[in-house]
PDB file of N, CA and C in Angstrom:
ATOM      1  N   MET A   1      39.122  -8.996  -7.337  1.00  0.00           N
ATOM      2  CA  MET A   1      38.868  -8.743  -8.745  1.00  0.00           C
ATOM      3  C   MET A   1      37.537  -9.369  -9.172  1.00  0.00           C
ATOM      4  N   ASP A   2      37.204 -10.531  -8.617  1.00  0.00           N
ATOM      5  CA  ASP A   2      35.953 -11.201  -8.961  1.00  0.00           C
ATOM      6  C   ASP A   2      34.755 -10.320  -8.643  1.00  0.00           C
ATOM      7  N   GLU A   3      34.808  -9.570  -7.538  1.00  0.00           N
ATOM      8  CA  GLU A   3      33.718  -8.672  -7.158  1.00  0.00           C
ATOM      9  C   GLU A   3      33.473  -7.623  -8.246  1.00  0.00           C
ATOM     10  N   LEU A   4      34.536  -7.109  -8.853  1.00  0.00           N
ATOM     11  CA  LEU A   4      34.398  -6.083  -9.881  1.00  0.00           C
ATOM     12  C   LEU A   4      33.802  -6.635 -11.162  1.00  0.00           C
ATOM     13  N   MET A   5      33.983  -7.900 -11.430  1.00  0.00           N
ATOM     14  CA  MET A   5      33.530  -8.500 -12.673  1.00  0.00           C
ATOM     15  C   MET A   5      32.048  -8.883 -12.633  1.00  0.00           C
ATOM     16  N   ARG A   6      31.484  -9.004 -11.452  1.00  0.00           N
ATOM     17  CA  ARG A   6      30.074  -9.397 -11.356  1.00  0.00           C
ATOM     18  C   ARG A   6      29.185  -8.229 -11.719  1.00  0.00           C
ATOM     19  N   GLY A   7      28.118  -8.506 -12.462  1.00  0.00           N
ATOM     20  CA  GLY A   7      27.185  -7.462 -12.865  1.00  0.00           C
ATOM     21  C   GLY A   7      26.295  -7.016 -11.724  1.00  0.00           C
ATOM     22  N   ARG A   8      25.832  -5.802 -11.813  1.00  0.00           N
ATOM     23  CA  ARG A   8      24.889  -5.247 -10.841  1.00  0.00           C
ATOM     24  C   ARG A   8      23.481  -5.628 -11.302  1.00  0.00           C
ATOM     25  N   VAL A   9      22.629  -5.972 -10.364  1.00  0.00           N
ATOM     26  CA  VAL A   9      21.273  -6.382 -10.677  1.00  0.00           C
ATOM     27  C   VAL A   9      20.370  -5.151 -10.750  1.00  0.00           C
ATOM     28  N   TYR A  10      19.583  -5.077 -11.825  1.00  0.00           N
ATOM     29  CA  TYR A  10      18.614  -3.999 -11.995  1.00  0.00           C
ATOM     30  C   TYR A  10      17.690  -3.981 -10.784  1.00  0.00           C
ATOM     31  N   GLY A  11      17.486  -2.802 -10.220  1.00  0.00           N
ATOM     32  CA  GLY A  11      16.597  -2.640  -9.078  1.00  0.00           C
ATOM     33  C   GLY A  11      17.268  -2.803  -7.731  1.00  0.00           C
ATOM     34  N   ALA A  12      18.547  -3.209  -7.708  1.00  0.00           N
ATOM     35  CA  ALA A  12      19.250  -3.342  -6.424  1.00  0.00           C
ATOM     36  C   ALA A  12      19.420  -1.958  -5.799  1.00  0.00           C
ATOM     37  N   ASP A  13      19.290  -1.895  -4.492  1.00  0.00           N
ATOM     38  CA  ASP A  13      19.481  -0.629  -3.788  1.00  0.00           C
ATOM     39  C   ASP A  13      20.898  -0.111  -4.008  1.00  0.00           C
ATOM     40  N   HIS A  14      21.017   1.207  -4.135  1.00  0.00           N
ATOM     41  CA  HIS A  14      22.341   1.804  -4.321  1.00  0.00           C
ATOM     42  C   HIS A  14      23.227   1.581  -3.105  1.00  0.00           C
ATOM     43  N   ASP A  15      22.620   1.393  -1.948  1.00  0.00           N
ATOM     44  CA  ASP A  15      23.379   1.176  -0.708  1.00  0.00           C
ATOM     45  C   ASP A  15      23.730  -0.288  -0.475  1.00  0.00           C
ATOM     46  N   ASP A  16      23.205  -1.172  -1.312  1.00  0.00           N
ATOM     47  CA  ASP A  16      23.432  -2.600  -1.121  1.00  0.00           C
ATOM     48  C   ASP A  16      24.915  -2.906  -1.265  1.00  0.00           C
ATOM     49  N   PRO A  17      25.539  -3.483  -0.227  1.00  0.00           N
ATOM     50  CA  PRO A  17      26.968  -3.797  -0.330  1.00  0.00           C
ATOM     51  C   PRO A  17      27.265  -4.929  -1.308  1.00  0.00           C
ATOM     52  N   ASP A  18      26.230  -5.704  -1.683  1.00  0.00           N
ATOM     53  CA  ASP A  18      26.400  -6.799  -2.639  1.00  0.00           C
ATOM     54  C   ASP A  18      25.267  -6.750  -3.664  1.00  0.00           C
ATOM     55  N   PRO A  19      25.355  -5.816  -4.639  1.00  0.00           N
ATOM     56  CA  PRO A  19      24.272  -5.649  -5.616  1.00  0.00           C
ATOM     57  C   PRO A  19      24.316  -6.644  -6.770  1.00  0.00           C
ATOM     58  N   GLY A  20      25.140  -7.673  -6.639  1.00  0.00           N
ATOM     59  CA  GLY A  20      25.302  -8.640  -7.715  1.00  0.00           C
ATOM     60  C   GLY A  20      24.275  -9.750  -7.677  1.00  0.00           C
ATOM     61  N   PRO A  21      24.429 -10.697  -8.588  1.00  0.00           N
ATOM     62  CA  PRO A  21      23.487 -11.805  -8.688  1.00  0.00           C
ATOM     63  C   PRO A  21      23.468 -12.676  -7.435  1.00  0.00           C
ATOM     64  N   ARG A  22      22.320 -13.280  -7.187  1.00  0.00           N
ATOM     65  CA  ARG A  22      22.121 -14.159  -6.034  1.00  0.00           C
ATOM     66  C   ARG A  22      22.076 -15.614  -6.507  1.00  0.00           C
ATOM     67  N   PRO A  23      22.621 -16.514  -5.705  1.00  0.00           N
ATOM     68  CA  PRO A  23      22.564 -17.936  -6.057  1.00  0.00           C
ATOM     69  C   PRO A  23      21.113 -18.400  -6.213  1.00  0.00           C
ATOM     70  N   GLY A  24      20.883 -19.270  -7.170  1.00  0.00           N
ATOM     71  CA  GLY A  24      19.565 -19.823  -7.388  1.00  0.00           C
ATOM     72  C   GLY A  24      18.630 -18.954  -8.205  1.00  0.00           C
ATOM     73  N   HIS A  25      19.103 -17.811  -8.661  1.00  0.00           N
ATOM     74  CA  HIS A  25      18.295 -16.920  -9.484  1.00  0.00           C
ATOM     75  C   HIS A  25      18.737 -17.028 -10.940  1.00  0.00           C
ATOM     76  N   VAL A  26      17.850 -16.635 -11.847  1.00  0.00           N
ATOM     77  CA  VAL A  26      18.132 -16.641 -13.281  1.00  0.00           C
ATOM     78  C   VAL A  26      18.143 -15.183 -13.739  1.00  0.00           C
ATOM     79  N   TYR A  27      19.146 -14.808 -14.541  1.00  0.00           N
ATOM     80  CA  TYR A  27      19.302 -13.425 -14.966  1.00  0.00           C
ATOM     81  C   TYR A  27      19.436 -13.312 -16.477  1.00  0.00           C
ATOM     82  N   ALA A  28      18.993 -12.172 -16.986  1.00  0.00           N
ATOM     83  CA  ALA A  28      19.230 -11.783 -18.374  1.00  0.00           C
ATOM     84  C   ALA A  28      20.124 -10.545 -18.335  1.00  0.00           C
ATOM     85  N   GLU A  29      21.117 -10.492 -19.201  1.00  0.00           N
ATOM     86  CA  GLU A  29      21.997  -9.328 -19.280  1.00  0.00           C
ATOM     87  C   GLU A  29      21.381  -8.296 -20.212  1.00  0.00           C
ATOM     88  N   LEU A  30      21.253  -7.057 -19.729  1.00  0.00           N
ATOM     89  CA  LEU A  30      20.710  -5.971 -20.545  1.00  0.00           C
ATOM     90  C   LEU A  30      21.833  -5.387 -21.392  1.00  0.00           C
ATOM     91  N   VAL A  31      21.585  -5.260 -22.698  1.00  0.00           N
ATOM     92  CA  VAL A  31      22.613  -4.840 -23.644  1.00  0.00           C
ATOM     93  C   VAL A  31      22.199  -3.541 -24.327  1.00  0.00           C
ATOM     94  N   ALA A  32      23.069  -2.560 -24.271  1.00  0.00           N
ATOM     95  CA  ALA A  32      22.879  -1.238 -24.886  1.00  0.00           C
ATOM     96  C   ALA A  32      21.835  -0.435 -24.108  1.00  0.00           C
ATOM     97  N   GLY A  33      21.562   0.760 -24.577  1.00  0.00           N
ATOM     98  CA  GLY A  33      20.581   1.618 -23.935  1.00  0.00           C
ATOM     99  C   GLY A  33      20.994   2.084 -22.549  1.00  0.00           C
ATOM    100  N   PRO A  34      20.064   2.690 -21.815  1.00  0.00           N
ATOM    101  CA  PRO A  34      20.406   3.292 -20.535  1.00  0.00           C
ATOM    102  C   PRO A  34      20.746   2.289 -19.434  1.00  0.00           C
ATOM    103  N   LEU A  35      20.355   1.048 -19.581  1.00  0.00           N
ATOM    104  CA  LEU A  35      20.608   0.047 -18.537  1.00  0.00           C
ATOM    105  C   LEU A  35      21.665  -0.966 -18.945  1.00  0.00           C
ATOM    106  N   ASP A  36      22.477  -0.609 -19.925  1.00  0.00           N
ATOM    107  CA  ASP A  36      23.519  -1.487 -20.458  1.00  0.00           C
ATOM    108  C   ASP A  36      24.387  -2.065 -19.343  1.00  0.00           C
ATOM    109  N   GLY A  37      24.541  -3.385 -19.376  1.00  0.00           N
ATOM    110  CA  GLY A  37      25.418  -4.058 -18.432  1.00  0.00           C
ATOM    111  C   GLY A  37      24.737  -4.534 -17.159  1.00  0.00           C
ATOM    112  N   LEU A  38      23.533  -4.068 -16.881  1.00  0.00           N
ATOM    113  CA  LEU A  38      22.828  -4.536 -15.695  1.00  0.00           C
ATOM    114  C   LEU A  38      22.246  -5.922 -15.949  1.00  0.00           C
ATOM    115  N   LEU A  39      21.991  -6.632 -14.868  1.00  0.00           N
ATOM    116  CA  LEU A  39      21.365  -7.941 -14.941  1.00  0.00           C
ATOM    117  C   LEU A  39      19.918  -7.817 -14.480  1.00  0.00           C
ATOM    118  N   LEU A  40      19.006  -8.433 -15.202  1.00  0.00           N
ATOM    119  CA  LEU A  40      17.598  -8.424 -14.849  1.00  0.00           C
ATOM    120  C   LEU A  40      17.239  -9.792 -14.275  1.00  0.00           C
ATOM    121  N   ASP A  41      16.715  -9.815 -13.064  1.00  0.00           N
ATOM    122  CA  ASP A  41      16.305 -11.066 -12.424  1.00  0.00           C
ATOM    123  C   ASP A  41      15.003 -11.537 -13.065  1.00  0.00           C
ATOM    124  N   VAL A  42      15.071 -12.641 -13.801  1.00  0.00           N
ATOM    125  CA  VAL A  42      13.900 -13.193 -14.481  1.00  0.00           C
ATOM    126  C   VAL A  42      13.469 -14.521 -13.851  1.00  0.00           C
ATOM    127  N   THR A  43      13.888 -14.743 -12.633  1.00  0.00           N
ATOM    128  CA  THR A  43      13.537 -15.958 -11.916  1.00  0.00           C
ATOM    129  C   THR A  43      12.018 -16.094 -11.834  1.00  0.00           C
ATOM    130  N   GLY A  44      11.500 -17.230 -12.245  1.00  0.00           N
ATOM    131  CA  GLY A  44      10.077 -17.502 -12.151  1.00  0.00           C
ATOM    132  C   GLY A  44       9.221 -16.918 -13.263  1.00  0.00           C
ATOM    133  N   TRP A  45       9.826 -16.203 -14.198  1.00  0.00           N
ATOM    134  CA  TRP A  45       9.047 -15.648 -15.310  1.00  0.00           C
ATOM    135  C   TRP A  45       8.563 -16.791 -16.201  1.00  0.00           C
ATOM    136  N   THR A  46       7.365 -16.660 -16.737  1.00  0.00           N
ATOM    137  CA  THR A  46       6.831 -17.665 -17.654  1.00  0.00           C
ATOM    138  C   THR A  46       7.558 -17.555 -18.995  1.00  0.00           C
ATOM    139  N   PRO A  47       7.551 -18.632 -19.792  1.00  0.00           N
ATOM    140  CA  PRO A  47       8.157 -18.551 -21.124  1.00  0.00           C
ATOM    141  C   PRO A  47       7.554 -17.419 -21.966  1.00  0.00           C
ATOM    142  N   GLU A  48       6.248 -17.213 -21.848  1.00  0.00           N
ATOM    143  CA  GLU A  48       5.604 -16.134 -22.602  1.00  0.00           C
ATOM    144  C   GLU A  48       6.130 -14.763 -22.167  1.00  0.00           C
ATOM    145  N   HIS A  49       6.222 -14.558 -20.874  1.00  0.00           N
ATOM    146  CA  HIS A  49       6.728 -13.285 -20.356  1.00  0.00           C
ATOM    147  C   HIS A  49       8.180 -13.061 -20.794  1.00  0.00           C
ATOM    148  N   LEU A  50       8.969 -14.123 -20.774  1.00  0.00           N
ATOM    149  CA  LEU A  50      10.366 -14.009 -21.213  1.00  0.00           C
ATOM    150  C   LEU A  50      10.445 -13.612 -22.684  1.00  0.00           C
ATOM    151  N   ARG A  51       9.581 -14.167 -23.532  1.00  0.00           N
ATOM    152  CA  ARG A  51       9.585 -13.820 -24.957  1.00  0.00           C
ATOM    153  C   ARG A  51       9.174 -12.371 -25.184  1.00  0.00           C
ATOM    154  N   GLU A  52       8.263 -11.865 -24.351  1.00  0.00           N
ATOM    155  CA  GLU A  52       7.753 -10.502 -24.504  1.00  0.00           C
ATOM    156  C   GLU A  52       8.779  -9.436 -24.136  1.00  0.00           C
ATOM    157  N   GLY A  53       9.696  -9.756 -23.240  1.00  0.00           N
ATOM    158  CA  GLY A  53      10.641  -8.752 -22.773  1.00  0.00           C
ATOM    159  C   GLY A  53      10.019  -7.894 -21.680  1.00  0.00           C
ATOM    160  N   ALA A  54      10.572  -6.698 -21.489  1.00  0.00           N
ATOM    161  CA  ALA A  54      10.105  -5.869 -20.382  1.00  0.00           C
ATOM    162  C   ALA A  54      10.308  -4.386 -20.660  1.00  0.00           C
ATOM    163  N   ALA A  55       9.424  -3.585 -20.074  1.00  0.00           N
ATOM    164  CA  ALA A  55       9.566  -2.129 -20.046  1.00  0.00           C
ATOM    165  C   ALA A  55      10.021  -1.789 -18.631  1.00  0.00           C
ATOM    166  N   LEU A  56      11.272  -1.358 -18.492  1.00  0.00           N
ATOM    167  CA  LEU A  56      11.884  -1.162 -17.180  1.00  0.00           C
ATOM    168  C   LEU A  56      11.988   0.316 -16.827  1.00  0.00           C
ATOM    169  N   ALA A  57      11.527   0.661 -15.656  1.00  0.00           N
ATOM    170  CA  ALA A  57      11.589   2.046 -15.195  1.00  0.00           C
ATOM    171  C   ALA A  57      13.044   2.489 -15.085  1.00  0.00           C
ATOM    172  N   THR A  58      13.303   3.697 -15.568  1.00  0.00           N
ATOM    173  CA  THR A  58      14.640   4.274 -15.455  1.00  0.00           C
ATOM    174  C   THR A  58      14.554   5.792 -15.511  1.00  0.00           C
ATOM    175  N   GLU A  59      15.427   6.436 -14.773  1.00  0.00           N
ATOM    176  CA  GLU A  59      15.504   7.897 -14.789  1.00  0.00           C
ATOM    177  C   GLU A  59      16.548   8.392 -15.777  1.00  0.00           C
ATOM    178  N   ILE A  60      17.309   7.477 -16.354  1.00  0.00           N
ATOM    179  CA  ILE A  60      18.417   7.902 -17.214  1.00  0.00           C
ATOM    180  C   ILE A  60      18.155   7.648 -18.696  1.00  0.00           C
ATOM    181  N   GLY A  61      16.921   7.344 -19.045  1.00  0.00           N
ATOM    182  CA  GLY A  61      16.563   7.149 -20.443  1.00  0.00           C
ATOM    183  C   GLY A  61      16.200   8.466 -21.102  1.00  0.00           C
ATOM    184  N   ARG A  62      15.733   8.391 -22.314  1.00  0.00           N
ATOM    185  CA  ARG A  62      15.388   9.571 -23.114  1.00  0.00           C
ATOM    186  C   ARG A  62      14.359  10.467 -22.431  1.00  0.00           C
ATOM    187  N   PHE A  63      13.424   9.876 -21.671  1.00  0.00           N
ATOM    188  CA  PHE A  63      12.329  10.636 -21.085  1.00  0.00           C
ATOM    189  C   PHE A  63      12.529  10.978 -19.613  1.00  0.00           C
ATOM    190  N   GLY A  64      13.702  10.671 -19.062  1.00  0.00           N
ATOM    191  CA  GLY A  64      13.995  11.028 -17.680  1.00  0.00           C
ATOM    192  C   GLY A  64      13.117  10.293 -16.684  1.00  0.00           C
ATOM    193  N   ALA A  65      12.921  10.927 -15.519  1.00  0.00           N
ATOM    194  CA  ALA A  65      12.144  10.304 -14.445  1.00  0.00           C
ATOM    195  C   ALA A  65      10.764   9.916 -14.947  1.00  0.00           C
ATOM    196  N   GLY A  66      10.356   8.715 -14.639  1.00  0.00           N
ATOM    197  CA  GLY A  66       9.054   8.222 -15.077  1.00  0.00           C
ATOM    198  C   GLY A  66       9.099   7.470 -16.388  1.00  0.00           C
ATOM    199  N   GLY A  67      10.203   7.576 -17.120  1.00  0.00           N
ATOM    200  CA  GLY A  67      10.325   6.888 -18.394  1.00  0.00           C
ATOM    201  C   GLY A  67      10.669   5.419 -18.218  1.00  0.00           C
ATOM    202  N   LYS A  68      10.569   4.693 -19.315  1.00  0.00           N
ATOM    203  CA  LYS A  68      10.880   3.270 -19.310  1.00  0.00           C
ATOM    204  C   LYS A  68      11.788   2.932 -20.481  1.00  0.00           C
ATOM    205  N   ALA A  69      12.629   1.943 -20.271  1.00  0.00           N
ATOM    206  CA  ALA A  69      13.496   1.418 -21.323  1.00  0.00           C
ATOM    207  C   ALA A  69      12.969   0.043 -21.713  1.00  0.00           C
ATOM    208  N   LEU A  70      12.806  -0.179 -23.017  1.00  0.00           N
ATOM    209  CA  LEU A  70      12.291  -1.454 -23.519  1.00  0.00           C
ATOM    210  C   LEU A  70      13.440  -2.404 -23.841  1.00  0.00           C
ATOM    211  N   TYR A  71      13.347  -3.609 -23.325  1.00  0.00           N
ATOM    212  CA  TYR A  71      14.356  -4.635 -23.584  1.00  0.00           C
ATOM    213  C   TYR A  71      13.662  -5.939 -23.948  1.00  0.00           C
ATOM    214  N   GLY A  72      14.273  -6.681 -24.875  1.00  0.00           N
ATOM    215  CA  GLY A  72      13.737  -7.976 -25.258  1.00  0.00           C
ATOM    216  C   GLY A  72      14.852  -8.952 -25.575  1.00  0.00           C
ATOM    217  N   PRO A  73      14.567 -10.252 -25.460  1.00  0.00           N
ATOM    218  CA  PRO A  73      15.599 -11.277 -25.657  1.00  0.00           C
ATOM    219  C   PRO A  73      16.047 -11.388 -27.112  1.00  0.00           C
ATOM    220  N   ARG A  74      17.303 -11.691 -27.288  1.00  0.00           N
ATOM    221  CA  ARG A  74      17.837 -11.997 -28.616  1.00  0.00           C
ATOM    222  C   ARG A  74      17.337 -13.367 -29.039  1.00  0.00           C
ATOM    223  N   ALA A  75      17.017 -13.513 -30.292  1.00  0.00           N
ATOM    224  CA  ALA A  75      16.530 -14.796 -30.803  1.00  0.00           C
ATOM    225  C   ALA A  75      17.581 -15.897 -30.646  1.00  0.00           C
ATOM    226  N   ASP A  76      18.847 -15.545 -30.869  1.00  0.00           N
ATOM    227  CA  ASP A  76      19.910 -16.550 -30.823  1.00  0.00           C
ATOM    228  C   ASP A  76      20.612 -16.633 -29.467  1.00  0.00           C
ATOM    229  N   ASP A  77      20.237 -15.778 -28.515  1.00  0.00           N
ATOM    230  CA  ASP A  77      20.874 -15.786 -27.199  1.00  0.00           C
ATOM    231  C   ASP A  77      19.915 -15.170 -26.179  1.00  0.00           C
ATOM    232  N   PRO A  78      18.905 -15.932 -25.722  1.00  0.00           N
ATOM    233  CA  PRO A  78      17.870 -15.373 -24.858  1.00  0.00           C
ATOM    234  C   PRO A  78      18.348 -14.911 -23.487  1.00  0.00           C
ATOM    235  N   LYS A  79      19.597 -15.176 -23.140  1.00  0.00           N
ATOM    236  CA  LYS A  79      20.127 -14.670 -21.875  1.00  0.00           C
ATOM    237  C   LYS A  79      20.656 -13.239 -22.012  1.00  0.00           C
ATOM    238  N   ARG A  80      20.655 -12.724 -23.235  1.00  0.00           N
ATOM    239  CA  ARG A  80      21.040 -11.328 -23.487  1.00  0.00           C
ATOM    240  C   ARG A  80      19.835 -10.610 -24.075  1.00  0.00           C
ATOM    241  N   TRP A  81      19.453  -9.509 -23.445  1.00  0.00           N
ATOM    242  CA  TRP A  81      18.285  -8.749 -23.881  1.00  0.00           C
ATOM    243  C   TRP A  81      18.746  -7.428 -24.452  1.00  0.00           C
ATOM    244  N   ASP A  82      18.341  -7.151 -25.674  1.00  0.00           N
ATOM    245  CA  ASP A  82      18.738  -5.931 -26.367  1.00  0.00           C
ATOM    246  C   ASP A  82      17.745  -4.798 -26.122  1.00  0.00           C
ATOM    247  N   TRP A  83      18.284  -3.603 -26.082  1.00  0.00           N
ATOM    248  CA  TRP A  83      17.487  -2.387 -25.916  1.00  0.00           C
ATOM    249  C   TRP A  83      16.735  -2.115 -27.204  1.00  0.00           C
ATOM    250  N   ALA A  84      15.439  -1.772 -27.084  1.00  0.00           N
ATOM    251  CA  ALA A  84      14.608  -1.497 -28.250  1.00  0.00           C
ATOM    252  C   ALA A  84      14.089  -0.064 -28.275  1.00  0.00           C
ATOM    253  N   GLY A  85      14.480   0.751 -27.314  1.00  0.00           N
ATOM    254  CA  GLY A  85      14.039   2.144 -27.267  1.00  0.00           C
ATOM    255  C   GLY A  85      13.483   2.511 -25.905  1.00  0.00           C
ATOM    256  N   ASP A  86      13.035   3.739 -25.798  1.00  0.00           N
ATOM    257  CA  ASP A  86      12.489   4.262 -24.543  1.00  0.00           C
ATOM    258  C   ASP A  86      11.041   4.681 -24.732  1.00  0.00           C
ATOM    259  N   LEU A  87      10.299   4.644 -23.639  1.00  0.00           N
ATOM    260  CA  LEU A  87       8.908   5.088 -23.616  1.00  0.00           C
ATOM    261  C   LEU A  87       8.737   6.136 -22.533  1.00  0.00           C
ATOM    262  N   PRO A  88       7.873   7.132 -22.787  1.00  0.00           N
ATOM    263  CA  PRO A  88       7.587   8.077 -21.715  1.00  0.00           C
ATOM    264  C   PRO A  88       6.675   7.421 -20.682  1.00  0.00           C
ATOM    265  N   GLY A  89       6.779   7.878 -19.456  1.00  0.00           N
ATOM    266  CA  GLY A  89       5.895   7.392 -18.416  1.00  0.00           C
ATOM    267  C   GLY A  89       4.666   8.279 -18.342  1.00  0.00           C
ATOM    268  N   PRO A  90       3.699   7.924 -17.501  1.00  0.00           N
ATOM    269  CA  PRO A  90       2.505   8.753 -17.347  1.00  0.00           C
ATOM    270  C   PRO A  90       2.908  10.145 -16.886  1.00  0.00           C
ATOM    271  N   GLY A  91       2.370  11.133 -17.517  1.00  0.00           N
ATOM    272  CA  GLY A  91       2.660  12.519 -17.127  1.00  0.00           C
ATOM    273  C   GLY A  91       3.987  13.046 -17.632  1.00  0.00           C
ATOM    274  N   THR A  92       4.738  12.225 -18.389  1.00  0.00           N
ATOM    275  CA  THR A  92       6.018  12.675 -18.916  1.00  0.00           C
ATOM    276  C   THR A  92       5.782  13.597 -20.111  1.00  0.00           C
ATOM    277  N   VAL A  93       6.467  14.706 -20.118  1.00  0.00           N
ATOM    278  CA  VAL A  93       6.351  15.657 -21.228  1.00  0.00           C
ATOM    279  C   VAL A  93       7.317  15.222 -22.326  1.00  0.00           C
ATOM    280  N   ARG A  94       6.796  15.071 -23.525  1.00  0.00           N
ATOM    281  CA  ARG A  94       7.673  14.716 -24.660  1.00  0.00           C
ATOM    282  C   ARG A  94       8.344  15.962 -25.184  1.00  0.00           C
ATOM    283  N   GLY A  95       9.640  15.802 -25.491  1.00  0.00           N
ATOM    284  CA  GLY A  95      10.381  16.960 -25.962  1.00  0.00           C
ATOM    285  C   GLY A  95      10.769  16.902 -27.395  1.00  0.00           C
TER     286      GLY A  95
END
């Protein structure tokens, strides 16, 4: 049951038999949007980079392949990053 409760890490290979968090790493939980529930490995990120958040590549966002999902930390809970919308990638056709 513990295996089912662990979050999947963003960017982990689909074939990875253990796509969960690794010991010694720091993670932010992605909340809402296309990557809801995934964990983002923020190990080694600078405080400035952590405050800025991230534009994460995803094929399941509003713009499909090549698009990005924007996530940023909550002011009151920086270990949870909220979805702020999607961006088209280079060459993405807006619909």
